[in-house]
Amino acid sequence: MTSSGEGSRDPRRLPEFFIVGHPKSGTTALWEALRSNPGIFMPEVKEPVFFATELPRQAHRYVAPATLDEYLALFEGAAPGQRTGEASASYLWSRAAAGGIAALQPDARIIAILREPASFLHSFHLQMVQSHNESEKDFGRALALEDERRAGRRLPARSSWPQLLLYSEQVRYVEQLRRYHERFGREQVLVLIYDDFRKDNPGTVREVLRFLDVAGDGPVEIGHANPSVRLRSQRLDEALNAVSMGTGPAAGVLKSAVKAVVPQGLRRTALRTAQRRLVHGEVPPPDELLMGEIRRKYRAEVEALAEYLGRDVVRLWGYDGLA
């Protein structure tokens, strides 16, 4: 792997590895584990989404870096000898990201995590509702809206990234991996399976560290990061954020008063506590009939992935027993 700034096209500190997705497949937990390693620097900002140029720079509660200078500023805090990287779970979905990364950093190493399609889509839909990109809370109805939305109809008025609501676009695993293999070669791309990560968190993290040529002999701590939740009310969630963070019309006078006397970290802690008690609910089990339909729909994709990777994910994910 190219050392920071040596032999690179840009003299500034560049990211050397990328966790490219998928979302709801362990990317946040892996990001947390890697950034705790002293040999690695990853920005505080997860999901810079700089190379997913299909997505607007401003989304719900988040503004992505708009220029290369803003993006590279994220890595200025890296110490000499640290590997630099970032995690943007939309990069695997994006048709532009692989080419953009390769143009800036052709020696980059890429880490992708794949999850069984039905469980992935179920969790991803919950995330889209939680992030206010999706207004249809019923999973089955949201999937059924795809044709309408592809034609530009039935799109949520407040969705920042409506492109992500074409759910079938997320499950083109072979096509997505091929974009990275074509630009970086297979030796620079590590493909992980979510089930392996769940089964052995520390072992998977050590595999990633070996891939990055970073020492990883110490203990590996894995938290339960970014769990799926059911959002009871988007309006209440929005109001809590406005008041807590001092933004938006709901904040009013608190915009100056609260922000002046309460540190941002405490405001975020209070927000999470209020969300957990008032807004977030337990995730109900998915409809097994619907999940079966989704698995039958994507069986061919899973079979193609098994052949492409040389691993029997058909059996691992239970697709060999589908009627």
Protein backbone atom coordinates (compact mmCIF):
# COMPACT_ATOMS: atom_id res chain seq x y z
CA MET A 1 0.00 0.00 0.00
CA THR A 2 1.33 3.41 -0.89
CA SER A 3 2.47 5.41 2.14
CA SER A 4 0.67 8.67 2.76
CA GLY A 5 1.60 11.19 0.11
CA GLU A 6 4.46 9.08 -1.33
CA GLY A 7 4.01 8.25 -4.99
CA SER A 8 0.46 9.58 -4.88
CA ARG A 9 -1.00 11.95 -7.43
CA ASP A 10 -1.94 14.41 -4.72
CA PRO A 11 0.74 15.51 -2.20
CA ARG A 12 -1.76 15.76 0.64
CA ARG A 13 -2.72 12.95 2.98
CA LEU A 14 -5.00 10.57 1.08
CA PRO A 15 -7.27 7.79 2.31
CA GLU A 16 -5.59 4.44 1.71
CA PHE A 17 -8.51 2.11 2.28
CA PHE A 18 -12.28 2.26 1.98
CA ILE A 19 -15.09 0.33 3.64
CA VAL A 20 -17.56 0.57 0.77
CA GLY A 21 -20.64 -1.15 2.20
CA HIS A 22 -23.24 -2.54 2.26
CA PRO A 23 -25.18 -0.61 4.91
CA LYS A 24 -26.73 -2.60 7.78
CA SER A 25 -24.09 -5.27 7.23
CA GLY A 26 -21.59 -4.50 9.98
CA THR A 27 -19.86 -1.51 8.39
CA THR A 28 -20.34 0.73 11.44
CA ALA A 29 -19.07 -1.94 13.84
CA LEU A 30 -16.04 -2.53 11.62
CA TRP A 31 -15.40 1.23 11.39
CA GLU A 32 -15.52 1.51 15.18
CA ALA A 33 -13.16 -1.44 15.64
CA LEU A 34 -10.62 -0.25 13.09
CA ARG A 35 -10.48 3.34 14.26
CA SER A 36 -9.68 2.13 17.77
CA ASN A 37 -6.46 0.57 16.45
CA PRO A 38 -3.48 2.93 16.97
CA GLY A 39 -2.13 2.05 13.55
CA ILE A 40 -5.22 3.39 11.79
CA PHE A 41 -6.71 6.84 11.34
CA MET A 42 -10.33 7.20 10.29
CA PRO A 43 -12.22 10.51 10.47
CA GLU A 44 -14.85 11.18 13.10
CA VAL A 45 -17.26 11.55 10.19
CA LYS A 46 -18.53 8.19 9.03
CA GLU A 47 -20.15 8.25 5.59
CA PRO A 48 -18.37 11.16 3.86
CA VAL A 49 -20.03 9.79 0.66
CA PHE A 50 -17.70 12.04 -1.34
CA PHE A 51 -17.29 9.60 -4.23
CA ALA A 52 -20.98 8.69 -4.45
CA THR A 53 -21.57 11.64 -6.72
CA GLU A 54 -25.11 10.54 -7.52
CA LEU A 55 -26.14 11.68 -4.04
CA PRO A 56 -26.71 15.34 -3.08
CA ARG A 57 -24.15 16.72 -0.66
CA GLN A 58 -26.76 17.71 1.90
CA ALA A 59 -28.97 15.10 3.50
CA HIS A 60 -31.07 14.76 6.65
CA ARG A 61 -28.95 16.16 9.52
CA TYR A 62 -25.78 15.83 7.50
CA VAL A 63 -23.70 17.78 5.00
CA ALA A 64 -21.08 15.84 3.04
CA PRO A 65 -17.81 17.42 1.90
CA ALA A 66 -18.47 19.13 -1.42
CA THR A 67 -14.90 19.68 -2.65
CA LEU A 68 -11.71 17.64 -2.69
CA ASP A 69 -10.13 20.12 -0.28
CA GLU A 70 -12.99 19.61 2.18
CA TYR A 71 -12.76 15.86 1.79
CA LEU A 72 -8.99 15.61 2.26
CA ALA A 73 -9.21 17.89 5.29
CA LEU A 74 -10.86 14.94 7.05
CA PHE A 75 -7.50 13.11 7.05
CA GLU A 76 -5.23 15.95 8.16
CA GLY A 77 -5.14 14.61 11.72
CA ALA A 78 -3.47 11.34 10.75
CA ALA A 79 -0.12 10.71 12.40
CA PRO A 80 2.93 9.55 10.42
CA GLY A 81 2.79 5.81 9.87
CA GLN A 82 -0.95 5.47 10.39
CA ARG A 83 -3.07 3.92 7.66
CA THR A 84 -5.83 6.27 6.63
CA GLY A 85 -9.28 5.14 5.60
CA GLU A 86 -12.95 5.95 5.58
CA ALA A 87 -16.29 4.15 5.53
CA SER A 88 -19.18 5.11 3.23
CA ALA A 89 -21.73 2.35 2.88
CA SER A 90 -23.23 3.83 -0.29
CA TYR A 91 -20.02 3.33 -2.29
CA LEU A 92 -20.89 -0.26 -3.17
CA TRP A 93 -24.27 0.84 -4.53
CA SER A 94 -22.82 3.85 -6.34
CA ARG A 95 -21.89 3.45 -10.00
CA ALA A 96 -19.49 6.39 -9.74
CA ALA A 97 -17.59 5.67 -6.53
CA ALA A 98 -15.22 2.95 -7.73
CA GLY A 99 -13.95 5.08 -10.61
CA GLY A 100 -13.61 8.18 -8.46
CA ILE A 101 -11.64 6.33 -5.79
CA ALA A 102 -9.37 4.75 -8.39
CA ALA A 103 -8.65 8.13 -10.00
CA LEU A 104 -7.54 9.62 -6.68
CA GLN A 105 -5.93 6.59 -5.08
CA PRO A 106 -5.28 3.67 -7.46
CA ASP A 107 -3.44 1.74 -4.72
CA ALA A 108 -6.44 1.84 -2.37
CA ARG A 109 -7.63 -1.28 -0.66
CA ILE A 110 -11.34 -1.94 -0.69
CA ILE A 111 -13.45 -3.75 1.92
CA ALA A 112 -16.99 -4.87 1.09
CA ILE A 113 -19.44 -6.71 3.35
CA LEU A 114 -22.35 -8.67 1.88
CA ARG A 115 -25.47 -9.84 3.71
CA GLU A 116 -28.26 -12.21 2.77
CA PRO A 117 -30.56 -10.11 0.54
CA ALA A 118 -33.90 -10.40 2.37
CA SER A 119 -32.52 -9.63 5.84
CA PHE A 120 -30.36 -6.87 4.37
CA LEU A 121 -33.30 -5.18 2.65
CA HIS A 122 -35.46 -5.45 5.75
CA SER A 123 -32.82 -3.69 7.87
CA PHE A 124 -32.03 -1.21 5.11
CA HIS A 125 -35.69 -0.21 4.84
CA LEU A 126 -35.78 0.45 8.59
CA GLN A 127 -32.71 2.65 8.20
CA MET A 128 -34.30 4.57 5.35
CA VAL A 129 -37.34 5.28 7.54
CA GLN A 130 -35.15 6.26 10.48
CA SER A 131 -33.12 8.65 8.30
CA HIS A 132 -36.36 10.19 6.93
CA ASN A 133 -35.54 9.11 3.38
CA GLU A 134 -38.46 6.68 3.32
CA SER A 135 -42.02 7.65 4.26
CA GLU A 136 -43.63 4.23 3.74
CA LYS A 137 -43.18 2.35 7.00
CA ASP A 138 -44.58 -0.93 5.71
CA PHE A 139 -41.71 -2.95 4.25
CA GLY A 140 -43.77 -4.82 1.66
CA ARG A 141 -45.52 -1.69 0.40
CA ALA A 142 -42.20 0.16 0.18
CA LEU A 143 -40.77 -2.60 -2.04
CA ALA A 144 -43.90 -2.58 -4.20
CA LEU A 145 -43.48 1.16 -4.89
CA GLU A 146 -40.24 0.70 -6.80
CA ASP A 147 -41.67 0.84 -10.32
CA GLU A 148 -43.63 3.98 -9.48
CA ARG A 149 -40.60 5.61 -7.94
CA ARG A 150 -38.36 4.67 -10.83
CA ALA A 151 -40.73 6.70 -12.99
CA GLY A 152 -40.44 9.64 -10.59
CA ARG A 153 -43.77 9.12 -8.86
CA ARG A 154 -44.67 8.44 -5.20
CA LEU A 155 -41.34 9.80 -3.98
CA PRO A 156 -41.28 11.05 -0.36
CA ALA A 157 -41.34 14.84 -0.36
CA ARG A 158 -38.66 15.11 2.33
CA SER A 159 -36.31 12.41 1.09
CA SER A 160 -32.76 13.67 0.60
CA TRP A 161 -31.61 10.57 -1.27
CA PRO A 162 -34.65 9.09 -3.06
CA GLN A 163 -32.31 7.14 -5.38
CA LEU A 164 -31.69 4.72 -2.54
CA LEU A 165 -35.37 3.78 -2.40
CA LEU A 166 -35.00 1.66 -5.56
CA TYR A 167 -34.34 -1.28 -3.31
CA SER A 168 -33.50 -3.82 -6.02
CA GLU A 169 -30.55 -1.64 -7.05
CA GLN A 170 -28.94 -2.50 -3.72
CA VAL A 171 -28.88 -6.24 -4.43
CA ARG A 172 -26.78 -6.33 -7.59
CA TYR A 173 -23.90 -7.92 -5.72
CA VAL A 174 -21.88 -9.32 -8.63
CA GLU A 175 -22.19 -6.15 -10.69
CA GLN A 176 -21.16 -4.05 -7.69
CA LEU A 177 -18.12 -6.17 -6.86
CA ARG A 178 -17.05 -6.32 -10.49
CA ARG A 179 -16.80 -2.52 -10.64
CA TYR A 180 -14.12 -2.64 -7.93
CA HIS A 181 -12.37 -5.74 -9.24
CA GLU A 182 -12.03 -4.16 -12.67
CA ARG A 183 -10.35 -1.06 -11.25
CA PHE A 184 -8.33 -2.47 -8.37
CA GLY A 185 -7.84 -6.16 -9.09
CA ARG A 186 -8.94 -8.90 -6.76
CA GLU A 187 -5.83 -8.64 -4.60
CA GLN A 188 -6.84 -5.13 -3.48
CA VAL A 189 -10.45 -6.04 -2.69
CA LEU A 190 -11.50 -7.95 0.42
CA VAL A 191 -15.04 -9.34 0.32
CA LEU A 192 -16.48 -10.26 3.72
CA ILE A 193 -19.69 -12.13 4.48
CA TYR A 194 -21.83 -10.63 7.23
CA ASP A 195 -22.49 -14.05 8.78
CA ASP A 196 -18.75 -14.57 9.33
CA PHE A 197 -18.46 -11.17 11.00
CA ARG A 198 -21.39 -11.92 13.29
CA LYS A 199 -19.98 -15.33 14.18
CA ASP A 200 -16.43 -14.14 14.91
CA ASN A 201 -16.10 -10.36 15.28
CA PRO A 202 -12.47 -10.34 16.49
CA GLY A 203 -11.36 -12.88 13.88
CA THR A 204 -12.88 -10.85 11.06
CA VAL A 205 -11.30 -7.62 12.31
CA ARG A 206 -7.90 -9.32 12.46
CA GLU A 207 -8.42 -10.53 8.89
CA VAL A 208 -9.06 -6.94 7.83
CA LEU A 209 -5.97 -5.72 9.72
CA ARG A 210 -3.81 -8.31 7.93
CA PHE A 211 -5.30 -7.17 4.63
CA LEU A 212 -4.30 -3.59 5.51
CA ASP A 213 -0.83 -4.60 6.77
CA VAL A 214 -1.62 -3.20 10.21
CA ALA A 215 -0.55 -4.85 13.45
CA GLY A 216 -3.46 -6.35 15.33
CA ASP A 217 -2.11 -8.52 18.12
CA GLY A 218 -4.00 -6.80 20.93
CA PRO A 219 -7.60 -7.36 22.02
CA VAL A 220 -10.36 -6.39 19.61
CA GLU A 221 -13.38 -4.60 21.03
CA ILE A 222 -16.61 -4.73 19.06
CA GLY A 223 -19.68 -2.77 20.09
CA HIS A 224 -23.25 -3.26 18.87
CA ALA A 225 -23.08 -0.24 16.59
CA ASN A 226 -25.96 1.23 14.62
CA PRO A 227 -28.66 -1.31 15.54
CA SER A 228 -31.89 -1.40 13.56
CA VAL A 229 -34.81 0.37 15.21
CA ARG A 230 -38.43 1.07 14.37
CA LEU A 231 -39.21 4.78 14.09
CA ARG A 232 -42.59 5.58 15.62
CA SER A 233 -42.85 9.15 14.31
CA GLN A 234 -40.64 11.03 11.86
CA ARG A 235 -42.20 14.35 12.93
CA LEU A 236 -41.40 13.80 16.60
CA ASP A 237 -37.90 12.64 15.69
CA GLU A 238 -37.37 15.82 13.66
CA ALA A 239 -38.65 18.01 16.49
CA LEU A 240 -36.37 16.37 19.04
CA ASN A 241 -33.37 16.93 16.78
CA ALA A 242 -34.25 20.57 16.20
CA VAL A 243 -34.62 21.32 19.89
CA SER A 244 -31.64 19.23 20.99
CA MET A 245 -29.20 20.56 18.42
CA GLY A 246 -30.57 24.09 18.27
CA THR A 247 -31.48 24.03 14.60
CA GLY A 248 -34.60 24.59 12.56
CA PRO A 249 -37.76 26.57 13.29
CA ALA A 250 -38.72 24.35 16.22
CA ALA A 251 -35.64 25.41 18.11
CA GLY A 252 -36.58 29.10 18.36
CA VAL A 253 -34.83 30.84 21.20
CA LEU A 254 -33.05 27.59 22.13
CA LYS A 255 -30.89 27.94 19.06
CA SER A 256 -28.69 30.44 20.89
CA ALA A 257 -29.41 29.57 24.51
CA VAL A 258 -28.99 25.79 24.45
CA LYS A 259 -26.01 25.75 22.12
CA ALA A 260 -24.27 28.37 24.23
CA VAL A 261 -24.42 26.50 27.54
CA VAL A 262 -24.62 22.79 26.66
CA PRO A 263 -21.72 21.06 24.91
CA GLN A 264 -22.54 19.32 21.66
CA GLY A 265 -21.63 15.90 23.07
CA LEU A 266 -24.12 16.27 25.91
CA ARG A 267 -26.79 17.47 23.51
CA ARG A 268 -26.26 14.40 21.36
CA THR A 269 -26.43 12.12 24.40
CA ALA A 270 -29.69 13.75 25.48
CA LEU A 271 -31.04 13.40 21.96
CA ARG A 272 -30.23 9.69 21.82
CA THR A 273 -31.87 9.14 25.22
CA ALA A 274 -35.04 10.96 24.14
CA GLN A 275 -35.15 9.11 20.84
CA ARG A 276 -34.76 5.77 22.59
CA ARG A 277 -37.61 6.51 25.01
CA LEU A 278 -40.03 8.42 22.80
CA VAL A 279 -39.30 7.75 19.14
CA HIS A 280 -37.59 4.40 18.70
CA GLY A 281 -39.39 1.12 19.20
CA GLU A 282 -38.58 -2.56 19.03
CA VAL A 283 -38.26 -3.97 15.53
CA PRO A 284 -41.13 -6.39 14.85
CA PRO A 285 -40.22 -9.69 13.19
CA PRO A 286 -40.49 -9.53 9.41
CA ASP A 287 -43.32 -11.21 7.55
CA GLU A 288 -41.91 -14.63 6.69
CA LEU A 289 -44.10 -14.96 3.60
CA LEU A 290 -42.72 -11.69 2.28
CA MET A 291 -39.16 -12.70 3.19
CA GLY A 292 -39.65 -15.94 1.26
CA GLU A 293 -40.84 -14.02 -1.78
CA ILE A 294 -37.78 -11.77 -1.63
CA ARG A 295 -35.45 -14.75 -1.38
CA ARG A 296 -37.03 -16.42 -4.38
CA LYS A 297 -36.72 -13.15 -6.30
CA TYR A 298 -32.99 -12.90 -5.62
CA ARG A 299 -32.07 -16.57 -5.79
CA ALA A 300 -30.42 -16.13 -9.20
CA GLU A 301 -28.33 -13.24 -7.82
CA VAL A 302 -27.21 -15.35 -4.88
CA GLU A 303 -26.32 -18.26 -7.17
CA ALA A 304 -24.31 -15.90 -9.40
CA LEU A 305 -22.53 -14.50 -6.35
CA ALA A 306 -21.64 -18.00 -5.14
CA GLU A 307 -20.03 -18.77 -8.50
CA TYR A 308 -18.29 -15.38 -8.66
CA LEU A 309 -16.78 -15.65 -5.17
CA GLY A 310 -16.22 -19.39 -5.20
CA ARG A 311 -18.14 -19.72 -1.95
CA ASP A 312 -21.41 -21.54 -1.36
CA VAL A 313 -23.51 -18.64 -0.08
CA VAL A 314 -26.53 -20.44 -1.57
CA ARG A 315 -26.34 -23.00 1.20
CA LEU A 316 -25.06 -20.56 3.82
CA TRP A 317 -28.07 -18.28 3.33
CA GLY A 318 -30.57 -21.12 3.00
CA TYR A 319 -31.39 -20.56 -0.66
CA ASP A 320 -30.83 -24.20 -1.51
CA GLY A 321 -34.03 -25.09 0.35
CA LEU A 322 -36.33 -22.60 -1.38
CA ALA A 323 -39.41 -24.10 -2.99
